[in-house]
């Protein structure tokens, strides 16, 4: 079974409140087997519009990745994130 990945590009507007999002999202990430491959850090923009934070999260399957996002646990965190950051997020299937 192919793994699933969240790819998120984020501009954080309120770093202090973003910490609340990270804490609120943790139970969903633990429940669905999230493994962070990239979580912010240095990056080199190559093409297009860059955002300040880039995140790649690996899940055991595409379904785990989608279920995590749609879970009640994560939706609580998403509401916080949407108040304090601008983001694009996609779920992709691994090879």
Protein backbone atom coordinates (compact mmCIF):
# COMPACT_ATOMS: atom_id res chain seq x y z
CA UNK A 1 0.00 0.00 0.00
CA UNK A 2 1.36 3.41 -1.01
CA UNK A 3 1.92 5.97 1.71
CA UNK A 4 0.09 9.29 1.80
CA UNK A 5 1.66 12.71 2.27
CA UNK A 6 0.43 16.08 3.37
CA UNK A 7 2.28 18.90 1.65
CA UNK A 8 1.60 22.27 3.25
CA UNK A 9 2.97 25.70 2.44
CA UNK A 10 2.24 28.18 5.21
CA UNK A 11 2.72 31.85 6.07
CA UNK A 12 2.25 32.24 9.81
CA UNK A 13 0.74 35.61 10.81
CA UNK A 14 0.75 35.03 14.58
CA UNK A 15 3.63 32.80 15.74
CA UNK A 16 2.44 32.68 19.36
CA UNK A 17 -1.06 31.46 18.46
CA UNK A 18 0.39 29.08 15.86
CA UNK A 19 1.82 27.17 18.82
CA UNK A 20 -1.80 26.55 19.89
CA UNK A 21 -2.47 24.99 16.48
CA UNK A 22 0.57 22.72 16.78
CA UNK A 23 -0.56 21.54 20.23
CA UNK A 24 -4.17 21.03 19.11
CA UNK A 25 -3.13 19.05 16.00
CA UNK A 26 -0.87 16.64 17.91
CA UNK A 27 -3.63 14.15 18.94
CA UNK A 28 -4.79 13.76 15.32
CA UNK A 29 -1.24 13.30 14.07
CA UNK A 30 -0.59 10.64 16.71
CA UNK A 31 -3.90 8.86 16.00
CA UNK A 32 -3.24 8.61 12.25
CA UNK A 33 0.47 7.73 12.36
CA UNK A 34 1.92 11.01 11.09
CA UNK A 35 5.66 11.15 10.52
CA UNK A 36 7.10 14.62 9.91
CA UNK A 37 9.65 14.66 7.10
CA UNK A 38 9.94 18.46 6.88
CA UNK A 39 8.58 20.92 9.40
CA UNK A 40 9.64 24.44 8.55
CA UNK A 41 13.37 24.99 8.39
CA UNK A 42 15.61 26.41 5.69
CA UNK A 43 14.49 26.26 2.06
CA UNK A 44 15.55 27.57 -1.34
CA UNK A 45 12.77 28.95 -3.55
CA UNK A 46 13.17 27.81 -7.15
CA UNK A 47 9.96 28.73 -8.99
CA UNK A 48 6.66 30.39 -8.14
CA UNK A 49 5.57 32.13 -4.95
CA UNK A 50 7.28 30.79 -1.82
CA UNK A 51 5.74 30.74 1.65
CA UNK A 52 7.68 31.01 4.91
CA UNK A 53 7.01 27.49 6.20
CA UNK A 54 6.96 24.22 4.27
CA UNK A 55 5.74 20.97 5.82
CA UNK A 56 5.73 17.39 4.55
CA UNK A 57 3.99 14.77 6.68
CA UNK A 58 4.05 11.06 5.82
CA UNK A 59 1.12 8.78 6.72
CA UNK A 60 0.81 4.99 6.45
CA UNK A 61 -1.61 5.40 3.52
CA UNK A 62 -3.43 8.00 1.45
CA UNK A 63 -6.61 7.15 3.37
CA UNK A 64 -4.86 7.80 6.72
CA UNK A 65 -3.76 11.22 5.42
CA UNK A 66 -7.27 12.16 4.28
CA UNK A 67 -8.89 10.76 7.43
CA UNK A 68 -6.48 12.73 9.63
CA UNK A 69 -7.41 15.99 7.90
CA UNK A 70 -11.14 15.25 8.15
CA UNK A 71 -11.01 14.00 11.73
CA UNK A 72 -12.80 15.94 14.48
CA UNK A 73 -9.46 16.20 16.29
CA UNK A 74 -7.72 17.88 13.37
CA UNK A 75 -10.66 20.11 12.46
CA UNK A 76 -10.37 21.75 15.90
CA UNK A 77 -6.73 22.52 15.11
CA UNK A 78 -7.53 23.63 11.55
CA UNK A 79 -9.85 26.34 12.84
CA UNK A 80 -7.00 27.75 14.92
CA UNK A 81 -4.57 27.55 11.98
CA UNK A 82 -6.99 29.31 9.66
CA UNK A 83 -7.18 32.24 12.10
CA UNK A 84 -3.42 32.68 12.44
CA UNK A 85 -1.90 31.54 9.12
CA UNK A 86 -2.47 31.41 5.37
CA UNK A 87 -1.84 28.03 3.78
CA UNK A 88 -2.18 25.73 0.82
CA UNK A 89 -2.39 22.04 1.64
CA UNK A 90 -2.65 18.97 -0.54
CA UNK A 91 -2.64 15.23 0.08
CA UNK A 92 -0.65 13.14 -2.40
CA UNK A 93 -0.17 9.42 -2.82
CA UNK A 94 3.38 8.11 -2.62
CA UNK A 95 5.00 5.85 -5.18
